[in-house]
Structures are given as structure tokens and as C-alpha cells.
Amino acid sequence: MSLTAAVQDLFKSAYEFIASIFHTIFAAFASLVHLFESVVLKIVAVVGSIGTFVLGNFIVLSIGAGLMFFYLQRSGKKPAAALKAKKTN
């Protein structure tokens, strides 16, 4: 092995070392960005699911409350003719 080949291999190794460091830093940054994106998407999905659940319950309870309200309104009012017919004094 000649001296020039050894020096050339030394510079090549130094270049590959520095390139691998930059590649590692870039990969770590890209992984952090991907992690942040994934966390945000999961949070949005969970909030959307909770919102859908709450909205569904609100709709069902509103329908039930409306039906109960109309039932109580309807059963509380009796026709006047029926009330007069029941009195036997």
C-alpha cells in the first residue's frame, strides 16, 4: 500500500464519518417530526371519537327528553267532557 493510497483512504474514511454523523442527525430530526405528527393525529382521532360519542349521547338523550316531555304534556291534559262524565254527585 502506497502512502498516497493510505492518505486517500484516510480522507475517504473521514468523509464517511462526517457524512454518517449528518445522516444520523437528519434521521433523528425526521423521526422527531414523524413522532410529533403521529401524536397530533392520534390526539385528533381520540378527540374526534370522544366528540362523536358525546354528540351521539346528547342526541339520544334529547330525543328521550322530548318524548318524555310530550308524553307528560299529553297525559296531564284530560278532555273536559271526560271529567264531567265522571262526576256523579
N, C-alpha and C. Protein backbone atom coordinates (compact mmCIF):
# COMPACT_ATOMS: atom_id res chain seq x y z
N MET A 1 0.85 -1.16 0.00
CA MET A 1 0.00 0.00 0.00
C MET A 1 0.90 1.23 0.00
N SER A 2 0.61 2.10 -0.90
CA SER A 2 1.45 3.30 -1.01
C SER A 2 0.95 4.38 -0.06
N LEU A 3 1.76 5.37 0.11
CA LEU A 3 1.43 6.48 1.01
C LEU A 3 0.23 7.26 0.49
N THR A 4 0.14 7.47 -0.80
CA THR A 4 -0.99 8.23 -1.36
C THR A 4 -2.30 7.47 -1.20
N ALA A 5 -2.26 6.14 -1.34
CA ALA A 5 -3.46 5.33 -1.16
C ALA A 5 -3.90 5.37 0.30
N ALA A 6 -2.94 5.37 1.22
CA ALA A 6 -3.26 5.43 2.65
C ALA A 6 -3.89 6.77 3.00
N VAL A 7 -3.34 7.86 2.48
CA VAL A 7 -3.88 9.19 2.74
C VAL A 7 -5.26 9.32 2.11
N GLN A 8 -5.41 8.77 0.92
CA GLN A 8 -6.71 8.81 0.24
C GLN A 8 -7.76 8.04 1.05
N ASP A 9 -7.40 6.87 1.57
CA ASP A 9 -8.32 6.10 2.41
C ASP A 9 -8.65 6.83 3.71
N LEU A 10 -7.66 7.55 4.26
CA LEU A 10 -7.89 8.31 5.48
C LEU A 10 -8.92 9.41 5.24
N PHE A 11 -8.77 10.17 4.15
CA PHE A 11 -9.74 11.22 3.83
C PHE A 11 -11.11 10.64 3.50
N LYS A 12 -11.12 9.51 2.82
CA LYS A 12 -12.39 8.86 2.50
C LYS A 12 -13.10 8.42 3.78
N SER A 13 -12.35 7.87 4.72
CA SER A 13 -12.94 7.45 6.00
C SER A 13 -13.45 8.65 6.79
N ALA A 14 -12.70 9.75 6.78
CA ALA A 14 -13.12 10.96 7.49
C ALA A 14 -14.40 11.51 6.86
N TYR A 15 -14.46 11.52 5.53
CA TYR A 15 -15.67 11.98 4.84
C TYR A 15 -16.87 11.11 5.20
N GLU A 16 -16.70 9.80 5.18
CA GLU A 16 -17.79 8.88 5.50
C GLU A 16 -18.23 9.05 6.96
N PHE A 17 -17.27 9.31 7.85
CA PHE A 17 -17.59 9.52 9.26
C PHE A 17 -18.44 10.78 9.43
N ILE A 18 -18.02 11.87 8.82
CA ILE A 18 -18.76 13.13 8.92
C ILE A 18 -20.13 13.00 8.25
N ALA A 19 -20.17 12.33 7.10
CA ALA A 19 -21.45 12.12 6.41
C ALA A 19 -22.40 11.28 7.26
N SER A 20 -21.88 10.27 7.94
CA SER A 20 -22.74 9.44 8.78
C SER A 20 -23.27 10.22 9.98
N ILE A 21 -22.46 11.13 10.52
CA ILE A 21 -22.93 11.97 11.63
C ILE A 21 -24.09 12.85 11.16
N PHE A 22 -23.93 13.51 10.00
CA PHE A 22 -25.00 14.36 9.48
C PHE A 22 -26.24 13.53 9.14
N HIS A 23 -26.03 12.35 8.61
CA HIS A 23 -27.16 11.47 8.29
C HIS A 23 -27.90 11.07 9.56
N THR A 24 -27.16 10.78 10.62
CA THR A 24 -27.78 10.40 11.89
C THR A 24 -28.57 11.57 12.48
N ILE A 25 -28.02 12.77 12.42
CA ILE A 25 -28.73 13.95 12.93
C ILE A 25 -30.00 14.20 12.12
N PHE A 26 -29.91 14.08 10.81
CA PHE A 26 -31.08 14.27 9.96
C PHE A 26 -32.13 13.20 10.25
N ALA A 27 -31.71 11.95 10.41
CA ALA A 27 -32.66 10.86 10.69
C ALA A 27 -33.33 11.07 12.05
N ALA A 28 -32.58 11.54 13.04
CA ALA A 28 -33.17 11.80 14.35
C ALA A 28 -34.19 12.93 14.26
N PHE A 29 -33.87 13.99 13.53
CA PHE A 29 -34.81 15.10 13.35
C PHE A 29 -36.06 14.64 12.61
N ALA A 30 -35.87 13.85 11.57
CA ALA A 30 -37.02 13.33 10.81
C ALA A 30 -37.88 12.43 11.69
N SER A 31 -37.26 11.65 12.55
CA SER A 31 -38.01 10.78 13.46
C SER A 31 -38.81 11.60 14.46
N LEU A 32 -38.23 12.68 14.96
CA LEU A 32 -38.95 13.54 15.90
C LEU A 32 -40.15 14.20 15.22
N VAL A 33 -39.97 14.63 13.98
CA VAL A 33 -41.08 15.23 13.24
C VAL A 33 -42.18 14.20 13.02
N HIS A 34 -41.79 12.99 12.66
CA HIS A 34 -42.76 11.92 12.45
C HIS A 34 -43.48 11.58 13.76
N LEU A 35 -42.75 11.56 14.87
CA LEU A 35 -43.35 11.30 16.18
C LEU A 35 -44.36 12.38 16.53
N PHE A 36 -44.01 13.63 16.33
CA PHE A 36 -44.92 14.74 16.61
C PHE A 36 -46.17 14.64 15.75
N GLU A 37 -45.98 14.34 14.48
CA GLU A 37 -47.12 14.20 13.57
C GLU A 37 -48.03 13.06 14.02
N SER A 38 -47.44 11.95 14.39
CA SER A 38 -48.22 10.79 14.83
C SER A 38 -49.00 11.09 16.10
N VAL A 39 -48.36 11.76 17.05
CA VAL A 39 -49.03 12.11 18.31
C VAL A 39 -50.20 13.05 18.05
N VAL A 40 -49.98 14.05 17.21
CA VAL A 40 -51.06 15.01 16.91
C VAL A 40 -52.22 14.30 16.22
N LEU A 41 -51.93 13.43 15.28
CA LEU A 41 -53.01 12.71 14.59
C LEU A 41 -53.78 11.81 15.54
N LYS A 42 -53.08 11.15 16.46
CA LYS A 42 -53.77 10.29 17.43
C LYS A 42 -54.62 11.12 18.39
N ILE A 43 -54.11 12.28 18.81
CA ILE A 43 -54.90 13.15 19.69
C ILE A 43 -56.16 13.63 18.97
N VAL A 44 -56.02 14.01 17.71
CA VAL A 44 -57.18 14.45 16.93
C VAL A 44 -58.19 13.31 16.79
N ALA A 45 -57.69 12.09 16.57
CA ALA A 45 -58.60 10.95 16.43
C ALA A 45 -59.34 10.67 17.73
N VAL A 46 -58.62 10.75 18.86
CA VAL A 46 -59.26 10.50 20.16
C VAL A 46 -60.29 11.58 20.47
N VAL A 47 -59.93 12.83 20.24
CA VAL A 47 -60.87 13.94 20.49
C VAL A 47 -62.09 13.81 19.58
N GLY A 48 -61.87 13.43 18.33
CA GLY A 48 -63.00 13.22 17.42
C GLY A 48 -63.90 12.09 17.87
N SER A 49 -63.30 11.01 18.37
CA SER A 49 -64.10 9.89 18.85
C SER A 49 -64.90 10.28 20.08
N ILE A 50 -64.26 11.00 20.99
CA ILE A 50 -64.98 11.45 22.19
C ILE A 50 -66.10 12.41 21.80
N GLY A 51 -65.82 13.31 20.88
CA GLY A 51 -66.84 14.25 20.42
C GLY A 51 -68.02 13.55 19.78
N THR A 52 -67.74 12.54 18.97
CA THR A 52 -68.80 11.76 18.34
C THR A 52 -69.63 11.04 19.40
N PHE A 53 -68.96 10.47 20.39
CA PHE A 53 -69.65 9.77 21.48
C PHE A 53 -70.56 10.73 22.25
N VAL A 54 -70.03 11.88 22.61
CA VAL A 54 -70.81 12.86 23.38
C VAL A 54 -71.98 13.37 22.55
N LEU A 55 -71.74 13.67 21.27
CA LEU A 55 -72.81 14.14 20.41
C LEU A 55 -73.90 13.09 20.25
N GLY A 56 -73.51 11.84 20.08
CA GLY A 56 -74.50 10.76 19.96
C GLY A 56 -75.33 10.63 21.22
N ASN A 57 -74.67 10.68 22.37
CA ASN A 57 -75.42 10.61 23.63
C ASN A 57 -76.35 11.81 23.79
N PHE A 58 -75.89 12.99 23.42
CA PHE A 58 -76.72 14.19 23.51
C PHE A 58 -77.96 14.05 22.64
N ILE A 59 -77.79 13.54 21.44
CA ILE A 59 -78.94 13.38 20.53
C ILE A 59 -79.93 12.38 21.10
N VAL A 60 -79.43 11.24 21.57
CA VAL A 60 -80.33 10.21 22.11
C VAL A 60 -81.05 10.73 23.36
N LEU A 61 -80.31 11.39 24.25
CA LEU A 61 -80.95 11.93 25.46
C LEU A 61 -81.94 13.05 25.12
N SER A 62 -81.64 13.84 24.12
CA SER A 62 -82.57 14.90 23.71
C SER A 62 -83.86 14.31 23.15
N ILE A 63 -83.73 13.28 22.35
CA ILE A 63 -84.93 12.62 21.82
C ILE A 63 -85.75 12.02 22.96
N GLY A 64 -85.07 11.35 23.90
CA GLY A 64 -85.78 10.77 25.05
C GLY A 64 -86.45 11.83 25.90
N ALA A 65 -85.76 12.95 26.13
CA ALA A 65 -86.34 14.03 26.93
C ALA A 65 -87.53 14.66 26.20
N GLY A 66 -87.41 14.82 24.89
CA GLY A 66 -88.53 15.36 24.12
C GLY A 66 -89.74 14.45 24.15
N LEU A 67 -89.51 13.17 23.99
CA LEU A 67 -90.63 12.22 24.06
C LEU A 67 -91.27 12.21 25.44
N MET A 68 -90.44 12.26 26.48
CA MET A 68 -90.97 12.30 27.84
C MET A 68 -91.76 13.58 28.09
N PHE A 69 -91.25 14.69 27.60
CA PHE A 69 -91.95 15.97 27.75
C PHE A 69 -93.31 15.93 27.08
N PHE A 70 -93.36 15.46 25.84
CA PHE A 70 -94.64 15.39 25.13
C PHE A 70 -95.59 14.38 25.76
N TYR A 71 -95.05 13.29 26.28
CA TYR A 71 -95.90 12.30 26.96
C TYR A 71 -96.52 12.91 28.21
N LEU A 72 -95.70 13.61 29.00
CA LEU A 72 -96.22 14.22 30.22
C LEU A 72 -97.20 15.34 29.92
N GLN A 73 -96.95 16.11 28.88
CA GLN A 73 -97.88 17.17 28.49
C GLN A 73 -99.20 16.56 28.03
N ARG A 74 -99.11 15.50 27.29
CA ARG A 74 -100.31 14.86 26.73
C ARG A 74 -101.12 14.17 27.82
N SER A 75 -100.44 13.49 28.74
CA SER A 75 -101.17 12.75 29.78
C SER A 75 -101.70 13.68 30.87
N GLY A 76 -101.17 14.86 31.01
CA GLY A 76 -101.63 15.80 32.03
C GLY A 76 -102.92 16.50 31.65
N LYS A 77 -103.25 16.61 30.39
CA LYS A 77 -104.44 17.31 29.93
C LYS A 77 -105.52 16.29 29.58
N LYS A 78 -106.59 16.34 30.31
CA LYS A 78 -107.70 15.44 30.01
C LYS A 78 -108.84 16.26 29.42
N PRO A 79 -109.60 15.72 28.52
CA PRO A 79 -110.72 16.47 27.93
C PRO A 79 -111.75 16.83 29.00
N ALA A 80 -112.37 17.99 28.85
CA ALA A 80 -113.36 18.47 29.82
C ALA A 80 -114.59 17.57 29.85
N ALA A 81 -115.00 17.02 28.73
CA ALA A 81 -116.17 16.14 28.68
C ALA A 81 -115.93 14.89 29.49
N ALA A 82 -114.76 14.37 29.48
CA ALA A 82 -114.47 13.17 30.25
C ALA A 82 -114.49 13.46 31.73
N LEU A 83 -114.06 14.64 32.14
CA LEU A 83 -114.09 14.99 33.56
C LEU A 83 -115.53 15.16 34.05
N LYS A 84 -116.39 15.77 33.27
CA LYS A 84 -117.78 15.98 33.67
C LYS A 84 -118.54 14.66 33.72
N ALA A 85 -118.20 13.76 32.88
CA ALA A 85 -118.90 12.49 32.86
C ALA A 85 -118.57 11.66 34.09
N LYS A 86 -117.42 11.83 34.69
CA LYS A 86 -117.03 11.02 35.84
C LYS A 86 -117.69 11.50 37.13
N LYS A 87 -118.09 12.74 37.22
CA LYS A 87 -118.69 13.24 38.45
C LYS A 87 -120.11 12.70 38.59
N THR A 88 -120.40 12.11 39.74
CA THR A 88 -121.73 11.52 39.97
C THR A 88 -122.42 12.10 41.19
N ASN A 89 -122.12 13.28 41.63
CA ASN A 89 -122.73 13.88 42.82
C ASN A 89 -124.08 14.40 42.53
